[in-house]
C-alpha atoms as a PDB file:
ATOM      1  CA  MET A   1     -10.550   1.724   2.776  1.00  0.00           C
ATOM      2  CA  GLY A   2     -11.471   1.696   6.420  1.00  0.00           C
ATOM      3  CA  PHE A   3     -11.101  -0.808   9.051  1.00  0.00           C
ATOM      4  CA  LEU A   4      -8.500   1.441  10.457  1.00  0.00           C
ATOM      5  CA  HIS A   5      -5.295   0.278  12.456  1.00  0.00           C
ATOM      6  CA  SER A   6      -2.570   2.191  13.960  1.00  0.00           C
ATOM      7  CA  GLY A   7      -0.845   2.420  10.701  1.00  0.00           C
ATOM      8  CA  HIS A   8      -3.609   4.447   9.282  1.00  0.00           C
ATOM      9  CA  LEU A   9      -3.720   6.587  12.583  1.00  0.00           C
ATOM     10  CA  SER A  10       0.245   7.277  11.984  1.00  0.00           C
ATOM     11  CA  LEU A  11      -0.591   8.882   8.550  1.00  0.00           C
ATOM     12  CA  MET A  12      -3.223  11.202  10.337  1.00  0.00           C
ATOM     13  CA  LYS A  13      -1.170  12.294  13.018  1.00  0.00           C
ATOM     14  CA  GLN A  14       1.792  12.872  10.477  1.00  0.00           C
ATOM     15  CA  ALA A  15      -0.792  15.165   8.391  1.00  0.00           C
ATOM     16  CA  ARG A  16      -2.163  16.764  11.470  1.00  0.00           C
ATOM     17  CA  ARG A  17       1.228  18.259  12.186  1.00  0.00           C
ATOM     18  CA  GLU A  18       1.422  19.498   8.775  1.00  0.00           C
ATOM     19  CA  CYS A  19      -1.978  20.997   8.199  1.00  0.00           C
ATOM     20  CA  ASP A  20      -4.724  23.234   9.429  1.00  0.00           C
ATOM     21  CA  HIS A  21      -7.644  21.179   8.390  1.00  0.00           C
ATOM     22  CA  LEU A  22      -7.362  17.559   8.356  1.00  0.00           C
ATOM     23  CA  VAL A  23      -9.748  15.375   6.090  1.00  0.00           C
ATOM     24  CA  VAL A  24      -9.837  11.563   6.121  1.00  0.00           C
ATOM     25  CA  SER A  25     -11.655   9.619   3.358  1.00  0.00           C
ATOM     26  CA  ILE A  26     -13.101   6.130   4.025  1.00  0.00           C
ATOM     27  CA  TYR A  27     -14.442   4.277   0.880  1.00  0.00           C
ATOM     28  CA  VAL A  28     -13.992   0.990  -0.198  1.00  0.00           C
ATOM     29  CA  ASN A  29     -13.484   1.679  -3.927  1.00  0.00           C
ATOM     30  CA  PRO A  30     -14.840  -0.833  -6.188  1.00  0.00           C
ATOM     31  CA  LEU A  31     -12.609   0.018  -9.215  1.00  0.00           C
ATOM     32  CA  GLN A  32      -9.395  -1.429  -7.585  1.00  0.00           C
ATOM     33  CA  PHE A  33     -10.783  -4.761  -6.862  1.00  0.00           C
ATOM     34  CA  GLY A  34     -10.410  -7.514  -9.502  1.00  0.00           C
ATOM     35  CA  PRO A  35     -12.643 -10.507 -10.307  1.00  0.00           C
ATOM     36  CA  ASN A  36     -13.067 -13.118  -7.311  1.00  0.00           C
ATOM     37  CA  GLU A  37     -11.267 -10.532  -5.070  1.00  0.00           C
ATOM     38  CA  ASP A  38     -12.738  -9.532  -1.645  1.00  0.00           C
ATOM     39  CA  LEU A  39     -14.816  -6.473  -2.543  1.00  0.00           C
ATOM     40  CA  ASP A  40     -17.924  -7.767  -0.752  1.00  0.00           C
ATOM     41  CA  THR A  41     -15.999  -9.363   2.309  1.00  0.00           C
ATOM     42  CA  TYR A  42     -13.425  -6.387   2.981  1.00  0.00           C
ATOM     43  CA  PRO A  43     -13.636  -5.485   6.594  1.00  0.00           C
ATOM     44  CA  ARG A  44     -15.612  -2.459   7.334  1.00  0.00           C
ATOM     45  CA  ASP A  45     -16.230  -0.813  10.696  1.00  0.00           C
ATOM     46  CA  HIS A  46     -17.717   3.006  10.084  1.00  0.00           C
ATOM     47  CA  GLU A  47     -18.605   3.337  13.747  1.00  0.00           C
ATOM     48  CA  GLY A  48     -15.208   2.280  15.105  1.00  0.00           C
ATOM     49  CA  ASP A  49     -13.395   4.282  12.318  1.00  0.00           C
ATOM     50  CA  ALA A  50     -14.938   7.412  13.065  1.00  0.00           C
ATOM     51  CA  ALA A  51     -14.063   6.970  16.929  1.00  0.00           C
ATOM     52  CA  LYS A  52     -10.571   6.481  16.157  1.00  0.00           C
ATOM     53  CA  CYS A  53     -10.533   9.506  13.536  1.00  0.00           C
ATOM     54  CA  ALA A  54     -11.888  11.669  16.499  1.00  0.00           C
ATOM     55  CA  GLU A  55      -9.069  10.534  18.962  1.00  0.00           C
ATOM     56  CA  VAL A  56      -6.383  11.858  16.536  1.00  0.00           C
ATOM     57  CA  GLY A  57      -8.046  15.159  15.704  1.00  0.00           C
ATOM     58  CA  VAL A  58      -9.646  14.731  12.280  1.00  0.00           C
ATOM     59  CA  ASP A  59     -11.685  17.829  11.355  1.00  0.00           C
ATOM     60  CA  THR A  60     -13.558  16.014   8.391  1.00  0.00           C
ATOM     61  CA  LEU A  61     -14.479  12.452   7.684  1.00  0.00           C
ATOM     62  CA  PHE A  62     -15.733  11.931   4.318  1.00  0.00           C
ATOM     63  CA  LEU A  63     -17.635   8.583   3.940  1.00  0.00           C
ATOM     64  CA  PRO A  64     -19.356   8.940   0.532  1.00  0.00           C
ATOM     65  CA  PRO A  65     -21.835   5.889  -0.153  1.00  0.00           C
ATOM     66  CA  SER A  66     -20.563   6.126  -3.812  1.00  0.00           C
ATOM     67  CA  LEU A  67     -18.058   8.138  -5.664  1.00  0.00           C
ATOM     68  CA  TYR A  68     -19.098   7.579  -9.454  1.00  0.00           C
ATOM     69  CA  ASP A  69     -22.099   8.536 -11.213  1.00  0.00           C
ATOM     70  CA  LYS A  70     -23.786   5.870 -13.511  1.00  0.00           C
ATOM     71  CA  ASP A  71     -22.243   7.400 -16.715  1.00  0.00           C
ATOM     72  CA  HIS A  72     -18.720   8.027 -15.264  1.00  0.00           C
ATOM     73  CA  SER A  73     -16.374   7.441 -18.054  1.00  0.00           C
ATOM     74  CA  THR A  74     -13.039   8.587 -17.257  1.00  0.00           C
ATOM     75  CA  THR A  75     -10.201   6.504 -16.086  1.00  0.00           C
ATOM     76  CA  VAL A  76      -6.612   7.860 -14.846  1.00  0.00           C
ATOM     77  CA  THR A  77      -3.752   5.465 -16.070  1.00  0.00           C
ATOM     78  CA  VAL A  78      -0.031   5.681 -14.786  1.00  0.00           C
ATOM     79  CA  ALA A  79       2.077   3.744 -17.234  1.00  0.00           C
ATOM     80  CA  GLN A  80       5.439   2.105 -16.629  1.00  0.00           C
ATOM     81  CA  LEU A  81       5.227   2.073 -12.831  1.00  0.00           C
ATOM     82  CA  THR A  82       2.135  -0.263 -12.933  1.00  0.00           C
ATOM     83  CA  HIS A  83       2.869  -2.909 -15.295  1.00  0.00           C
ATOM     84  CA  ARG A  84       4.913  -5.143 -12.795  1.00  0.00           C
ATOM     85  CA  LEU A  85       4.793  -6.017  -9.192  1.00  0.00           C
ATOM     86  CA  CYS A  86       1.125  -5.877  -7.833  1.00  0.00           C
ATOM     87  CA  GLY A  87       0.172  -4.543 -11.476  1.00  0.00           C
ATOM     88  CA  ALA A  88       1.123  -7.779 -12.995  1.00  0.00           C
ATOM     89  CA  SER A  89      -0.956  -9.977 -10.757  1.00  0.00           C
ATOM     90  CA  ARG A  90      -3.718  -7.544 -10.312  1.00  0.00           C
ATOM     91  CA  PRO A  91      -4.459  -6.058 -13.806  1.00  0.00           C
ATOM     92  CA  GLY A  92      -6.501  -2.789 -13.631  1.00  0.00           C
ATOM     93  CA  HIS A  93      -5.865  -2.401  -9.845  1.00  0.00           C
ATOM     94  CA  PHE A  94      -3.721   0.736 -10.322  1.00  0.00           C
ATOM     95  CA  ASP A  95      -5.874   2.148 -12.599  1.00  0.00           C
ATOM     96  CA  GLY A  96      -8.823   1.939  -9.939  1.00  0.00           C
ATOM     97  CA  VAL A  97      -6.557   3.416  -7.334  1.00  0.00           C
ATOM     98  CA  THR A  98      -5.193   6.425  -9.464  1.00  0.00           C
ATOM     99  CA  THR A  99      -8.734   7.327 -10.654  1.00  0.00           C
ATOM    100  CA  VAL A 100     -10.291   7.266  -7.311  1.00  0.00           C
ATOM    101  CA  VAL A 101      -7.275   9.418  -5.816  1.00  0.00           C
ATOM    102  CA  ALA A 102      -7.676  11.865  -8.658  1.00  0.00           C
ATOM    103  CA  ARG A 103     -11.473  11.928  -8.002  1.00  0.00           C
ATOM    104  CA  LEU A 104     -10.830  12.491  -4.163  1.00  0.00           C
ATOM    105  CA  PHE A 105      -8.169  15.157  -4.953  1.00  0.00           C
ATOM    106  CA  GLY A 106     -10.658  17.101  -7.132  1.00  0.00           C
ATOM    107  CA  LEU A 107     -13.359  16.810  -4.485  1.00  0.00           C
ATOM    108  CA  VAL A 108     -11.036  17.903  -1.463  1.00  0.00           C
ATOM    109  CA  GLN A 109      -8.657  20.053  -3.168  1.00  0.00           C
ATOM    110  CA  PRO A 110      -5.909  19.406  -0.671  1.00  0.00           C
ATOM    111  CA  HIS A 111      -2.581  21.043  -0.304  1.00  0.00           C
ATOM    112  CA  ILE A 112      -0.925  17.938   1.318  1.00  0.00           C
ATOM    113  CA  ALA A 113      -1.897  14.169   1.127  1.00  0.00           C
ATOM    114  CA  VAL A 114      -0.318  11.293   3.198  1.00  0.00           C
ATOM    115  CA  PHE A 115       0.123   7.577   1.980  1.00  0.00           C
ATOM    116  CA  GLY A 116       1.857   4.853   3.523  1.00  0.00           C
ATOM    117  CA  GLU A 117       4.731   3.222   2.506  1.00  0.00           C
ATOM    118  CA  LYS A 118       3.405  -0.333   3.393  1.00  0.00           C
ATOM    119  CA  ASP A 119       2.145  -0.244  -0.253  1.00  0.00           C
ATOM    120  CA  TYR A 120       5.274   1.349  -1.727  1.00  0.00           C
ATOM    121  CA  GLN A 121       4.420   0.776  -5.439  1.00  0.00           C
ATOM    122  CA  GLN A 122       0.964   2.723  -4.715  1.00  0.00           C
ATOM    123  CA  LEU A 123       2.875   5.567  -3.230  1.00  0.00           C
ATOM    124  CA  ALA A 124       5.396   5.718  -6.301  1.00  0.00           C
ATOM    125  CA  VAL A 125       2.440   5.790  -8.829  1.00  0.00           C
ATOM    126  CA  ILE A 126       0.381   8.465  -6.897  1.00  0.00           C
ATOM    127  CA  ARG A 127       3.647  10.584  -6.752  1.00  0.00           C
ATOM    128  CA  ARG A 128       4.142  10.159 -10.640  1.00  0.00           C
ATOM    129  CA  MET A 129       0.584  10.807 -11.270  1.00  0.00           C
ATOM    130  CA  VAL A 130       0.626  13.908  -9.207  1.00  0.00           C
ATOM    131  CA  ARG A 131       3.934  15.073 -10.976  1.00  0.00           C
ATOM    132  CA  ASP A 132       2.645  14.469 -14.616  1.00  0.00           C
ATOM    133  CA  LEU A 133      -0.778  16.159 -14.109  1.00  0.00           C
ATOM    134  CA  SER A 134       0.888  19.209 -12.421  1.00  0.00           C
ATOM    135  CA  MET A 135      -1.447  18.730  -9.517  1.00  0.00           C
ATOM    136  CA  ASN A 136      -0.212  21.322  -6.706  1.00  0.00           C
ATOM    137  CA  ILE A 137      -0.258  18.813  -4.062  1.00  0.00           C
ATOM    138  CA  ASN A 138       2.612  17.726  -1.798  1.00  0.00           C
ATOM    139  CA  ILE A 139       2.635  13.871  -1.283  1.00  0.00           C
ATOM    140  CA  MET A 140       4.119  12.688   1.730  1.00  0.00           C
ATOM    141  CA  GLY A 141       5.053   9.162   2.593  1.00  0.00           C
ATOM    142  CA  GLY A 142       4.329   7.485   6.006  1.00  0.00           C
ATOM    143  CA  PRO A 143       6.728   5.068   7.516  1.00  0.00           C
ATOM    144  CA  LEU A 144       5.355   1.376   7.391  1.00  0.00           C
ATOM    145  CA  ILE A 145       3.980   0.475  10.806  1.00  0.00           C
ATOM    146  CA  ARG A 146       4.588  -2.929  12.289  1.00  0.00           C
ATOM    147  CA  ASP A 147       2.630  -5.046  14.988  1.00  0.00           C
ATOM    148  CA  THR A 148       5.096  -6.104  17.820  1.00  0.00           C
ATOM    149  CA  ASP A 149       5.639  -9.283  16.426  1.00  0.00           C
ATOM    150  CA  GLY A 150       6.903  -7.502  13.292  1.00  0.00           C
ATOM    151  CA  LEU A 151       4.100  -8.256  10.797  1.00  0.00           C
ATOM    152  CA  ALA A 152       3.392  -5.247   8.538  1.00  0.00           C
ATOM    153  CA  LEU A 153      -0.288  -3.656   9.841  1.00  0.00           C
ATOM    154  CA  SER A 154      -2.931  -4.483   7.229  1.00  0.00           C
ATOM    155  CA  SER A 155      -6.622  -4.624   7.402  1.00  0.00           C
ATOM    156  CA  ARG A 156      -6.383  -8.027   5.855  1.00  0.00           C
ATOM    157  CA  ASN A 157      -4.514  -9.519   8.663  1.00  0.00           C
ATOM    158  CA  LYS A 158      -7.975 -10.148  10.440  1.00  0.00           C
ATOM    159  CA  TYR A 159      -8.287 -13.024   7.771  1.00  0.00           C
ATOM    160  CA  LEU A 160      -5.030 -14.814   9.236  1.00  0.00           C
ATOM    161  CA  SER A 161      -5.544 -17.634  11.666  1.00  0.00           C
ATOM    162  CA  ASP A 162      -3.149 -18.042  14.529  1.00  0.00           C
ATOM    163  CA  THR A 163      -0.976 -20.548  12.393  1.00  0.00           C
ATOM    164  CA  ASP A 164      -0.963 -18.413   9.227  1.00  0.00           C
ATOM    165  CA  ARG A 165      -0.042 -15.470  11.237  1.00  0.00           C
ATOM    166  CA  VAL A 166       3.147 -17.075  12.237  1.00  0.00           C
ATOM    167  CA  ARG A 167       3.876 -18.076   8.582  1.00  0.00           C
ATOM    168  CA  ALA A 168       3.222 -14.790   7.643  1.00  0.00           C
ATOM    169  CA  LEU A 169       6.037 -13.437   9.887  1.00  0.00           C
ATOM    170  CA  SER A 170       8.392 -14.952   7.127  1.00  0.00           C
ATOM    171  CA  LEU A 171       7.658 -12.222   4.777  1.00  0.00           C
ATOM    172  CA  ASN A 172       9.642  -9.877   7.131  1.00  0.00           C
ATOM    173  CA  ARG A 173      12.263 -12.125   7.722  1.00  0.00           C
ATOM    174  CA  SER A 174      12.986 -12.673   3.954  1.00  0.00           C
ATOM    175  CA  LEU A 175      13.141  -8.746   3.546  1.00  0.00           C
ATOM    176  CA  HIS A 176      15.797  -8.448   6.342  1.00  0.00           C
ATOM    177  CA  LEU A 177      17.586 -11.242   5.093  1.00  0.00           C
ATOM    178  CA  ILE A 178      18.129  -9.263   1.579  1.00  0.00           C
ATOM    179  CA  ARG A 179      19.008  -6.065   3.258  1.00  0.00           C
ATOM    180  CA  ASN A 180      21.475  -7.723   5.590  1.00  0.00           C
ATOM    181  CA  HIS A 181      23.131 -10.168   2.965  1.00  0.00           C
ATOM    182  CA  THR A 182      26.558  -9.572   2.167  1.00  0.00           C
ATOM    183  CA  SER A 183      26.383 -10.193  -1.673  1.00  0.00           C
ATOM    184  CA  ALA A 184      26.179  -7.252  -3.986  1.00  0.00           C
ATOM    185  CA  SER A 185      24.083  -9.581  -6.380  1.00  0.00           C
ATOM    186  CA  ALA A 186      20.539  -8.961  -5.995  1.00  0.00           C
ATOM    187  CA  ALA A 187      19.548 -12.448  -7.573  1.00  0.00           C
ATOM    188  CA  ILE A 188      21.750 -14.162  -4.951  1.00  0.00           C
ATOM    189  CA  ARG A 189      20.126 -12.207  -2.013  1.00  0.00           C
ATOM    190  CA  ILE A 190      16.512 -13.032  -3.556  1.00  0.00           C
ATOM    191  CA  SER A 191      17.300 -16.457  -4.108  1.00  0.00           C
ATOM    192  CA  ASP A 192      18.516 -17.076  -0.393  1.00  0.00           C
ATOM    193  CA  ALA A 193      15.525 -15.159   0.728  1.00  0.00           C
ATOM    194  CA  ARG A 194      12.979 -17.041  -1.127  1.00  0.00           C
ATOM    195  CA  LYS A 195      14.055 -20.216   0.778  1.00  0.00           C
ATOM    196  CA  THR A 196      12.912 -18.551   4.090  1.00  0.00           C
ATOM    197  CA  LEU A 197       9.426 -17.653   2.931  1.00  0.00           C
ATOM    198  CA  GLU A 198       6.692 -19.899   4.343  1.00  0.00           C
ATOM    199  CA  ALA A 199       4.099 -18.869   1.928  1.00  0.00           C
ATOM    200  CA  ASP A 200       1.466 -21.064  -0.082  1.00  0.00           C
ATOM    201  CA  LYS A 201       2.289 -18.928  -3.182  1.00  0.00           C
ATOM    202  CA  ILE A 202       4.931 -16.180  -3.887  1.00  0.00           C
ATOM    203  CA  ASP A 203       3.635 -13.440  -6.215  1.00  0.00           C
ATOM    204  CA  TYR A 204       6.892 -11.614  -6.239  1.00  0.00           C
ATOM    205  CA  LEU A 205      10.108 -10.945  -4.059  1.00  0.00           C
ATOM    206  CA  GLU A 206      12.316  -8.345  -5.939  1.00  0.00           C
ATOM    207  CA  VAL A 207      15.096  -5.914  -5.262  1.00  0.00           C
ATOM    208  CA  VAL A 208      13.999  -2.520  -7.356  1.00  0.00           C
ATOM    209  CA  ASP A 209      14.983   0.948  -7.771  1.00  0.00           C
ATOM    210  CA  PRO A 210      12.961   3.049  -5.420  1.00  0.00           C
ATOM    211  CA  LEU A 211      11.886   5.494  -7.989  1.00  0.00           C
ATOM    212  CA  SER A 212      11.583   3.621 -11.223  1.00  0.00           C
ATOM    213  CA  LEU A 213      10.401   0.378  -9.542  1.00  0.00           C
ATOM    214  CA  GLU A 214      12.581  -1.438 -12.032  1.00  0.00           C
ATOM    215  CA  PRO A 215      14.531  -4.730 -10.838  1.00  0.00           C
ATOM    216  CA  VAL A 216      18.237  -3.970  -9.982  1.00  0.00           C
ATOM    217  CA  ASP A 217      21.275  -6.561 -10.697  1.00  0.00           C
ATOM    218  CA  GLN A 218      23.626  -5.112  -8.244  1.00  0.00           C
ATOM    219  CA  ILE A 219      22.998  -3.463  -4.892  1.00  0.00           C
ATOM    220  CA  ASN A 220      25.491  -0.564  -4.828  1.00  0.00           C
ATOM    221  CA  GLY A 221      22.944   2.437  -3.844  1.00  0.00           C
ATOM    222  CA  PRO A 222      19.619   2.882  -2.496  1.00  0.00           C
ATOM    223  CA  ALA A 223      16.825   0.163  -3.371  1.00  0.00           C
ATOM    224  CA  ARG A 224      13.833  -1.317  -1.950  1.00  0.00           C
ATOM    225  CA  ALA A 225      13.080  -4.810  -1.368  1.00  0.00           C
ATOM    226  CA  LEU A 226       9.348  -5.863  -1.849  1.00  0.00           C
ATOM    227  CA  VAL A 227       7.580  -9.016  -1.482  1.00  0.00           C
ATOM    228  CA  ALA A 228       3.950 -10.147  -2.023  1.00  0.00           C
ATOM    229  CA  ALA A 229       2.689 -13.648  -1.061  1.00  0.00           C
ATOM    230  CA  TRP A 230      -0.474 -15.643  -0.251  1.00  0.00           C
ATOM    231  CA  ILE A 231      -0.731 -17.185   3.200  1.00  0.00           C
ATOM    232  CA  GLY A 232      -3.747 -19.404   3.061  1.00  0.00           C
ATOM    233  CA  ASN A 233      -6.211 -17.399   1.332  1.00  0.00           C
ATOM    234  CA  THR A 234      -4.863 -13.819   2.179  1.00  0.00           C
ATOM    235  CA  ARG A 235      -2.405 -12.066   0.039  1.00  0.00           C
ATOM    236  CA  LEU A 236       0.055  -9.763   1.939  1.00  0.00           C
ATOM    237  CA  ILE A 237       2.502  -7.383   0.896  1.00  0.00           C
ATOM    238  CA  ASP A 238       5.621  -5.878   2.742  1.00  0.00           C
ATOM    239  CA  ASN A 239       8.764  -3.949   1.939  1.00  0.00           C
ATOM    240  CA  LEU A 240      11.900  -2.537   3.131  1.00  0.00           C
ATOM    241  CA  ALA A 241      14.386  -0.062   2.189  1.00  0.00           C
ATOM    242  CA  ILE A 242      17.915  -1.231   1.313  1.00  0.00           C
END
């Protein structure tokens, strides 16, 4: 959705190595914002974004003023994967994501598409949509990119005051505590990790199966720890492989 940072650029560089023609779309999608969310104030910098795209060798920068006709009446919904985590606190959000991504896929007709692991649930949902609808597109995940202090890169980080940014580092610390904990019990790991979160409100802190996104009770194989929390007026997400 623009206001590009090095996390976005890492996805472009990954795609650049895989494809002959690299397309980047930038569109602040109104369908994925709920009431009272930051659609109108979401950071935008088209000129700066274009310069960054040029630096990494983007062939086509797609900047549509709008993607929907007035009589647009089709919504793409992925069930099961979207009812929990971010889907629980942001109803309709993932319908907006899958609808805009499906439309972009229809317009661009890509062979490969790269999405960041920063929004792990979104990546899982898009992969399921592509599988279920038999879209001949290889969905590649790009590693989550962090700033030097460990904060996951996000366009919304610009909202954080200096004090809030320090508190926001507790999200990453809580995930590492879960990963490095000696107990096999997910509940014990989560309980201890919650005590380290310096958030004004915790949306969720969970350990889930990396494919189904359902909670796990015992950590005896690959899993994913995910957190969403409010720091001041800013909702941040982070995740870590276990």
